[in-house]
N, C-alpha and C. Protein backbone atom coordinates (compact mmCIF):
# COMPACT_ATOMS: atom_id res chain seq x y z
N UNK A 1 30.81 -38.70 -11.51
CA UNK A 1 30.27 -38.61 -12.87
C UNK A 1 29.41 -39.84 -13.16
N UNK A 2 29.89 -40.99 -12.67
CA UNK A 2 29.14 -42.22 -12.90
C UNK A 2 27.74 -42.15 -12.30
N UNK A 3 27.65 -41.62 -11.06
CA UNK A 3 26.35 -41.52 -10.41
C UNK A 3 25.48 -40.46 -11.05
N UNK A 4 26.09 -39.40 -11.53
CA UNK A 4 25.32 -38.37 -12.23
C UNK A 4 24.68 -38.98 -13.48
N UNK A 5 25.45 -39.75 -14.24
CA UNK A 5 24.91 -40.40 -15.43
C UNK A 5 23.78 -41.35 -15.06
N UNK A 6 24.00 -42.12 -13.99
CA UNK A 6 22.96 -43.07 -13.56
C UNK A 6 21.67 -42.34 -13.21
N UNK A 7 21.77 -41.29 -12.39
CA UNK A 7 20.54 -40.63 -11.94
C UNK A 7 19.83 -39.91 -13.07
N UNK A 8 20.56 -39.39 -14.03
CA UNK A 8 19.92 -38.74 -15.17
C UNK A 8 19.18 -39.79 -16.01
N UNK A 9 19.83 -40.91 -16.29
CA UNK A 9 19.19 -41.96 -17.07
C UNK A 9 18.02 -42.56 -16.30
N UNK A 10 18.19 -42.76 -15.00
CA UNK A 10 17.11 -43.31 -14.19
C UNK A 10 15.92 -42.36 -14.14
N UNK A 11 16.17 -41.06 -14.06
CA UNK A 11 15.08 -40.09 -14.06
C UNK A 11 14.32 -40.13 -15.39
N UNK A 12 15.04 -40.22 -16.49
CA UNK A 12 14.37 -40.33 -17.79
C UNK A 12 13.58 -41.63 -17.88
N UNK A 13 14.14 -42.71 -17.36
CA UNK A 13 13.44 -43.99 -17.33
C UNK A 13 12.16 -43.89 -16.51
N UNK A 14 12.24 -43.23 -15.37
CA UNK A 14 11.06 -43.09 -14.50
C UNK A 14 9.97 -42.28 -15.18
N UNK A 15 10.36 -41.22 -15.87
CA UNK A 15 9.37 -40.39 -16.58
C UNK A 15 8.69 -41.20 -17.68
N UNK A 16 9.48 -41.89 -18.48
CA UNK A 16 8.87 -42.68 -19.57
C UNK A 16 8.07 -43.85 -19.01
N UNK A 17 8.53 -44.42 -17.92
CA UNK A 17 7.82 -45.54 -17.31
C UNK A 17 6.44 -45.13 -16.82
N UNK A 18 6.31 -43.92 -16.36
CA UNK A 18 5.03 -43.44 -15.86
C UNK A 18 3.95 -43.54 -16.94
N UNK A 19 4.33 -43.22 -18.17
CA UNK A 19 3.36 -43.26 -19.26
C UNK A 19 3.23 -44.66 -19.87
N UNK A 20 4.34 -45.34 -20.05
CA UNK A 20 4.30 -46.65 -20.70
C UNK A 20 3.82 -47.75 -19.76
N UNK A 21 3.89 -47.54 -18.48
CA UNK A 21 3.48 -48.55 -17.52
C UNK A 21 2.01 -48.94 -17.71
N UNK A 22 1.18 -47.98 -18.03
CA UNK A 22 -0.24 -48.25 -18.22
C UNK A 22 -0.50 -49.10 -19.46
N UNK A 23 0.33 -48.91 -20.48
CA UNK A 23 0.11 -49.61 -21.74
C UNK A 23 0.77 -50.97 -21.81
N UNK A 24 1.90 -51.15 -21.13
CA UNK A 24 2.71 -52.34 -21.31
C UNK A 24 2.70 -53.26 -20.08
N UNK A 25 2.07 -52.87 -19.02
CA UNK A 25 2.14 -53.66 -17.79
C UNK A 25 1.48 -55.03 -17.92
N UNK A 26 0.65 -55.23 -18.89
CA UNK A 26 0.01 -56.53 -19.11
C UNK A 26 0.96 -57.53 -19.76
N UNK A 27 2.07 -57.06 -20.31
CA UNK A 27 3.04 -57.90 -20.99
C UNK A 27 3.63 -58.91 -20.00
N UNK A 28 3.75 -60.20 -20.40
CA UNK A 28 4.30 -61.20 -19.46
C UNK A 28 5.74 -60.85 -19.05
N UNK A 29 6.03 -61.04 -17.81
CA UNK A 29 7.35 -60.78 -17.22
C UNK A 29 7.76 -59.30 -17.33
N UNK A 30 6.79 -58.43 -17.40
CA UNK A 30 7.09 -57.00 -17.53
C UNK A 30 7.87 -56.48 -16.32
N UNK A 31 7.40 -56.81 -15.13
CA UNK A 31 8.06 -56.30 -13.93
C UNK A 31 9.44 -56.92 -13.73
N UNK A 32 9.60 -58.17 -14.12
CA UNK A 32 10.91 -58.80 -14.04
C UNK A 32 11.90 -58.16 -15.01
N UNK A 33 11.42 -57.85 -16.21
CA UNK A 33 12.27 -57.18 -17.21
C UNK A 33 12.64 -55.78 -16.73
N UNK A 34 11.68 -55.11 -16.14
CA UNK A 34 11.95 -53.77 -15.61
C UNK A 34 12.99 -53.81 -14.50
N UNK A 35 12.88 -54.77 -13.61
CA UNK A 35 13.89 -54.91 -12.55
C UNK A 35 15.26 -55.25 -13.13
N UNK A 36 15.30 -56.13 -14.10
CA UNK A 36 16.57 -56.49 -14.73
C UNK A 36 17.19 -55.27 -15.42
N UNK A 37 16.36 -54.43 -16.02
CA UNK A 37 16.86 -53.22 -16.68
C UNK A 37 17.47 -52.26 -15.67
N UNK A 38 16.81 -52.07 -14.54
CA UNK A 38 17.34 -51.18 -13.50
C UNK A 38 18.64 -51.73 -12.94
N UNK A 39 18.71 -53.03 -12.74
CA UNK A 39 19.96 -53.64 -12.27
C UNK A 39 21.05 -53.47 -13.31
N UNK A 40 20.71 -53.63 -14.60
CA UNK A 40 21.66 -53.41 -15.68
C UNK A 40 22.17 -51.96 -15.68
N UNK A 41 21.27 -51.01 -15.45
CA UNK A 41 21.68 -49.60 -15.37
C UNK A 41 22.66 -49.39 -14.23
N UNK A 42 22.40 -50.01 -13.10
CA UNK A 42 23.13 -49.77 -11.87
C UNK A 42 24.44 -50.53 -11.78
N UNK A 43 24.53 -51.65 -12.44
CA UNK A 43 25.67 -52.54 -12.28
C UNK A 43 26.99 -51.90 -12.74
N UNK A 44 28.05 -52.00 -11.91
CA UNK A 44 29.35 -51.44 -12.32
C UNK A 44 30.02 -52.30 -13.41
N UNK A 45 29.57 -53.53 -13.58
CA UNK A 45 30.16 -54.40 -14.60
C UNK A 45 29.61 -54.09 -15.98
N UNK A 46 28.30 -53.83 -16.07
CA UNK A 46 27.70 -53.56 -17.37
C UNK A 46 27.77 -52.08 -17.74
N UNK A 47 27.78 -51.21 -16.73
CA UNK A 47 27.78 -49.75 -16.95
C UNK A 47 26.70 -49.33 -17.94
N UNK A 48 25.50 -49.83 -17.71
CA UNK A 48 24.39 -49.55 -18.60
C UNK A 48 24.01 -48.08 -18.64
N UNK A 49 23.98 -47.45 -17.48
CA UNK A 49 23.61 -46.04 -17.43
C UNK A 49 24.63 -45.20 -18.17
N UNK A 50 25.90 -45.52 -18.01
CA UNK A 50 26.96 -44.79 -18.70
C UNK A 50 26.84 -44.97 -20.21
N UNK A 51 26.56 -46.18 -20.63
CA UNK A 51 26.40 -46.45 -22.07
C UNK A 51 25.24 -45.66 -22.66
N UNK A 52 24.09 -45.73 -22.00
CA UNK A 52 22.92 -45.00 -22.51
C UNK A 52 23.15 -43.49 -22.48
N UNK A 53 23.79 -43.00 -21.42
CA UNK A 53 24.03 -41.56 -21.31
C UNK A 53 24.95 -41.10 -22.44
N UNK A 54 26.03 -41.81 -22.69
CA UNK A 54 27.00 -41.39 -23.71
C UNK A 54 26.47 -41.56 -25.12
N UNK A 55 25.62 -42.56 -25.35
CA UNK A 55 25.09 -42.80 -26.69
C UNK A 55 23.91 -41.90 -27.04
N UNK A 56 23.03 -41.65 -26.08
CA UNK A 56 21.78 -40.97 -26.40
C UNK A 56 21.59 -39.63 -25.69
N UNK A 57 21.76 -39.62 -24.38
CA UNK A 57 21.41 -38.43 -23.60
C UNK A 57 22.37 -37.28 -23.86
N UNK A 58 23.66 -37.53 -23.75
CA UNK A 58 24.65 -36.46 -23.92
C UNK A 58 24.60 -35.83 -25.32
N UNK A 59 24.54 -36.60 -26.41
CA UNK A 59 24.44 -35.96 -27.72
C UNK A 59 23.17 -35.11 -27.87
N UNK A 60 22.06 -35.59 -27.32
CA UNK A 60 20.82 -34.82 -27.40
C UNK A 60 20.94 -33.52 -26.60
N UNK A 61 21.50 -33.61 -25.40
CA UNK A 61 21.67 -32.40 -24.59
C UNK A 61 22.64 -31.42 -25.25
N UNK A 62 23.67 -31.92 -25.89
CA UNK A 62 24.65 -31.05 -26.56
C UNK A 62 24.01 -30.32 -27.73
N UNK A 63 23.17 -31.02 -28.50
CA UNK A 63 22.50 -30.38 -29.64
C UNK A 63 21.51 -29.31 -29.19
N UNK A 64 20.86 -29.53 -28.07
CA UNK A 64 19.81 -28.63 -27.59
C UNK A 64 20.30 -27.67 -26.51
N UNK A 65 21.60 -27.51 -26.35
CA UNK A 65 22.15 -26.72 -25.24
C UNK A 65 21.68 -25.27 -25.25
N UNK A 66 21.69 -24.64 -26.42
CA UNK A 66 21.28 -23.23 -26.48
C UNK A 66 19.80 -23.07 -26.14
N UNK A 67 18.98 -23.97 -26.63
CA UNK A 67 17.55 -23.90 -26.31
C UNK A 67 17.32 -24.10 -24.81
N UNK A 68 18.02 -25.03 -24.22
CA UNK A 68 17.88 -25.28 -22.79
C UNK A 68 18.29 -24.05 -21.99
N UNK A 69 19.39 -23.41 -22.40
CA UNK A 69 19.84 -22.20 -21.70
C UNK A 69 18.82 -21.08 -21.79
N UNK A 70 18.22 -20.89 -22.97
CA UNK A 70 17.20 -19.84 -23.09
C UNK A 70 15.98 -20.16 -22.25
N UNK A 71 15.58 -21.43 -22.18
CA UNK A 71 14.45 -21.82 -21.34
C UNK A 71 14.75 -21.58 -19.86
N UNK A 72 15.99 -21.82 -19.46
CA UNK A 72 16.36 -21.60 -18.06
C UNK A 72 16.31 -20.11 -17.74
N UNK A 73 16.80 -19.27 -18.64
CA UNK A 73 16.76 -17.82 -18.42
C UNK A 73 15.31 -17.35 -18.35
N UNK A 74 14.47 -17.83 -19.27
CA UNK A 74 13.06 -17.45 -19.26
C UNK A 74 12.37 -17.91 -17.97
N UNK A 75 12.68 -19.10 -17.54
CA UNK A 75 12.07 -19.61 -16.30
C UNK A 75 12.51 -18.79 -15.11
N UNK A 76 13.78 -18.37 -15.08
CA UNK A 76 14.27 -17.55 -13.98
C UNK A 76 13.54 -16.22 -13.95
N UNK A 77 13.38 -15.59 -15.12
CA UNK A 77 12.69 -14.30 -15.17
C UNK A 77 11.22 -14.45 -14.78
N UNK A 78 10.58 -15.47 -15.30
CA UNK A 78 9.17 -15.69 -14.98
C UNK A 78 8.98 -16.03 -13.51
N UNK A 79 9.90 -16.79 -12.95
CA UNK A 79 9.75 -17.16 -11.55
C UNK A 79 9.88 -15.93 -10.65
N UNK A 80 10.79 -15.02 -10.99
CA UNK A 80 10.92 -13.80 -10.20
C UNK A 80 9.64 -12.98 -10.27
N UNK A 81 9.12 -12.80 -11.49
CA UNK A 81 7.88 -12.03 -11.65
C UNK A 81 6.73 -12.71 -10.92
N UNK A 82 6.66 -14.02 -10.99
CA UNK A 82 5.59 -14.76 -10.32
C UNK A 82 5.70 -14.62 -8.81
N UNK A 83 6.91 -14.72 -8.27
CA UNK A 83 7.09 -14.58 -6.83
C UNK A 83 6.71 -13.18 -6.36
N UNK A 84 7.07 -12.17 -7.13
CA UNK A 84 6.70 -10.80 -6.77
C UNK A 84 5.18 -10.65 -6.79
N UNK A 85 4.54 -11.19 -7.83
CA UNK A 85 3.08 -11.08 -7.94
C UNK A 85 2.39 -11.81 -6.79
N UNK A 86 2.83 -13.05 -6.50
CA UNK A 86 2.21 -13.79 -5.40
C UNK A 86 2.54 -13.16 -4.05
N UNK A 87 3.72 -12.57 -3.93
CA UNK A 87 4.07 -11.88 -2.69
C UNK A 87 3.16 -10.70 -2.44
N UNK A 88 2.92 -9.90 -3.49
CA UNK A 88 2.00 -8.76 -3.35
C UNK A 88 0.60 -9.24 -3.00
N UNK A 89 0.18 -10.30 -3.68
CA UNK A 89 -1.15 -10.83 -3.42
C UNK A 89 -1.27 -11.35 -1.98
N UNK A 90 -0.22 -12.00 -1.51
CA UNK A 90 -0.22 -12.52 -0.14
C UNK A 90 -0.25 -11.41 0.89
N UNK A 91 0.55 -10.36 0.66
CA UNK A 91 0.54 -9.23 1.59
C UNK A 91 -0.81 -8.54 1.59
N UNK A 92 -1.44 -8.40 0.43
CA UNK A 92 -2.77 -7.79 0.36
C UNK A 92 -3.80 -8.63 1.13
N UNK A 93 -3.72 -9.96 0.97
CA UNK A 93 -4.65 -10.83 1.69
C UNK A 93 -4.41 -10.75 3.19
N UNK A 94 -3.15 -10.71 3.61
CA UNK A 94 -2.84 -10.62 5.04
C UNK A 94 -3.32 -9.28 5.60
N UNK A 95 -3.12 -8.20 4.86
CA UNK A 95 -3.57 -6.89 5.33
C UNK A 95 -5.09 -6.84 5.43
N UNK A 96 -5.77 -7.41 4.44
CA UNK A 96 -7.23 -7.44 4.46
C UNK A 96 -7.72 -8.26 5.65
N UNK A 97 -7.10 -9.40 5.89
CA UNK A 97 -7.50 -10.24 7.02
C UNK A 97 -7.25 -9.53 8.34
N UNK A 98 -6.15 -8.81 8.45
CA UNK A 98 -5.84 -8.08 9.68
C UNK A 98 -6.86 -6.97 9.92
N UNK A 99 -7.22 -6.24 8.87
CA UNK A 99 -8.21 -5.17 9.01
C UNK A 99 -9.56 -5.75 9.39
N UNK A 100 -9.97 -6.85 8.73
CA UNK A 100 -11.25 -7.46 9.06
C UNK A 100 -11.26 -7.99 10.50
N UNK A 101 -10.17 -8.56 10.93
CA UNK A 101 -10.10 -9.06 12.31
C UNK A 101 -10.17 -7.90 13.29
N UNK A 102 -9.53 -6.80 12.95
CA UNK A 102 -9.57 -5.63 13.85
C UNK A 102 -10.98 -5.06 13.93
N UNK A 103 -11.67 -5.01 12.78
CA UNK A 103 -13.03 -4.48 12.78
C UNK A 103 -13.96 -5.40 13.57
N UNK A 104 -13.84 -6.71 13.38
CA UNK A 104 -14.68 -7.65 14.11
C UNK A 104 -14.38 -7.63 15.60
N UNK A 105 -13.12 -7.55 15.95
CA UNK A 105 -12.78 -7.59 17.37
C UNK A 105 -13.07 -6.27 18.06
N UNK A 106 -13.23 -5.21 17.29
CA UNK A 106 -13.54 -3.92 17.91
C UNK A 106 -14.89 -3.99 18.61
N UNK A 107 -15.85 -4.68 18.01
CA UNK A 107 -17.16 -4.84 18.65
C UNK A 107 -17.05 -5.66 19.92
N UNK A 108 -16.24 -6.71 19.89
CA UNK A 108 -16.05 -7.54 21.07
C UNK A 108 -15.32 -6.77 22.16
N UNK A 109 -14.36 -5.96 21.76
CA UNK A 109 -13.61 -5.16 22.72
C UNK A 109 -14.52 -4.13 23.38
N UNK A 110 -15.38 -3.51 22.58
CA UNK A 110 -16.32 -2.53 23.15
C UNK A 110 -17.27 -3.21 24.12
N UNK A 111 -17.70 -4.44 23.80
CA UNK A 111 -18.59 -5.18 24.70
C UNK A 111 -17.90 -5.51 26.01
N UNK A 112 -16.66 -5.87 25.96
CA UNK A 112 -15.92 -6.17 27.19
C UNK A 112 -15.71 -4.92 28.02
N UNK A 113 -15.37 -3.82 27.36
CA UNK A 113 -15.18 -2.57 28.10
C UNK A 113 -16.49 -2.11 28.72
N UNK A 114 -17.57 -2.33 28.01
CA UNK A 114 -18.86 -1.94 28.53
C UNK A 114 -19.20 -2.77 29.77
N UNK A 115 -18.78 -4.02 29.80
CA UNK A 115 -19.08 -4.86 30.95
C UNK A 115 -18.33 -4.39 32.19
N UNK A 116 -17.26 -3.63 32.00
CA UNK A 116 -16.53 -3.11 33.14
C UNK A 116 -16.85 -1.64 33.42
N UNK A 117 -17.97 -1.17 32.91
CA UNK A 117 -18.33 0.22 33.15
C UNK A 117 -18.80 0.40 34.60
N UNK A 118 -18.90 1.63 35.04
CA UNK A 118 -19.28 1.92 36.42
C UNK A 118 -20.69 1.43 36.70
N UNK A 119 -21.56 1.53 35.72
CA UNK A 119 -22.94 1.10 35.93
C UNK A 119 -22.98 -0.40 36.24
N UNK A 120 -22.16 -1.18 35.53
CA UNK A 120 -22.12 -2.61 35.78
C UNK A 120 -21.50 -2.91 37.14
N UNK A 121 -20.50 -2.13 37.53
CA UNK A 121 -19.86 -2.37 38.80
C UNK A 121 -20.78 -2.05 39.97
N UNK A 122 -21.68 -1.07 39.79
CA UNK A 122 -22.61 -0.71 40.85
C UNK A 122 -23.65 -1.81 41.08
N UNK A 123 -23.91 -2.59 40.03
CA UNK A 123 -24.93 -3.62 40.17
C UNK A 123 -24.42 -4.83 40.95
N UNK A 124 -23.10 -4.93 41.16
CA UNK A 124 -22.55 -6.02 41.95
C UNK A 124 -22.74 -5.68 43.43
N UNK A 125 -23.40 -6.55 44.17
CA UNK A 125 -23.63 -6.24 45.61
C UNK A 125 -22.32 -6.28 46.39
N UNK A 126 -22.20 -5.37 47.33
CA UNK A 126 -21.03 -5.35 48.21
C UNK A 126 -21.21 -6.39 49.30
N UNK A 127 -20.22 -7.18 49.51
CA UNK A 127 -20.34 -8.21 50.54
C UNK A 127 -19.38 -7.99 51.66
């Protein structure tokens, strides 16, 4: 449970850091403060991640639980429909490519068969 809390808080920190890093990175000792914060989150003595998770993340997730569940159901339904649509599209592209390759290679195959015709074989001198 402790590691779950840490990774959830760290993931939220990473997401927010991505946006705030551009705006705040000029601040003196910014990277040192950021490292100290990550160590504070990770430390078993301070239990920073556990504190932040219990104070902020868990209450927010509990309040929004029904909305999150509906979004998960919608995402599952949409992902199935999307996979079916892309699967059909992929099979159509593969079938089209196979037919085009067969049509193109048919000319090459006819040329090779023609090169082994009796007329061509007669032109080879007997030695």
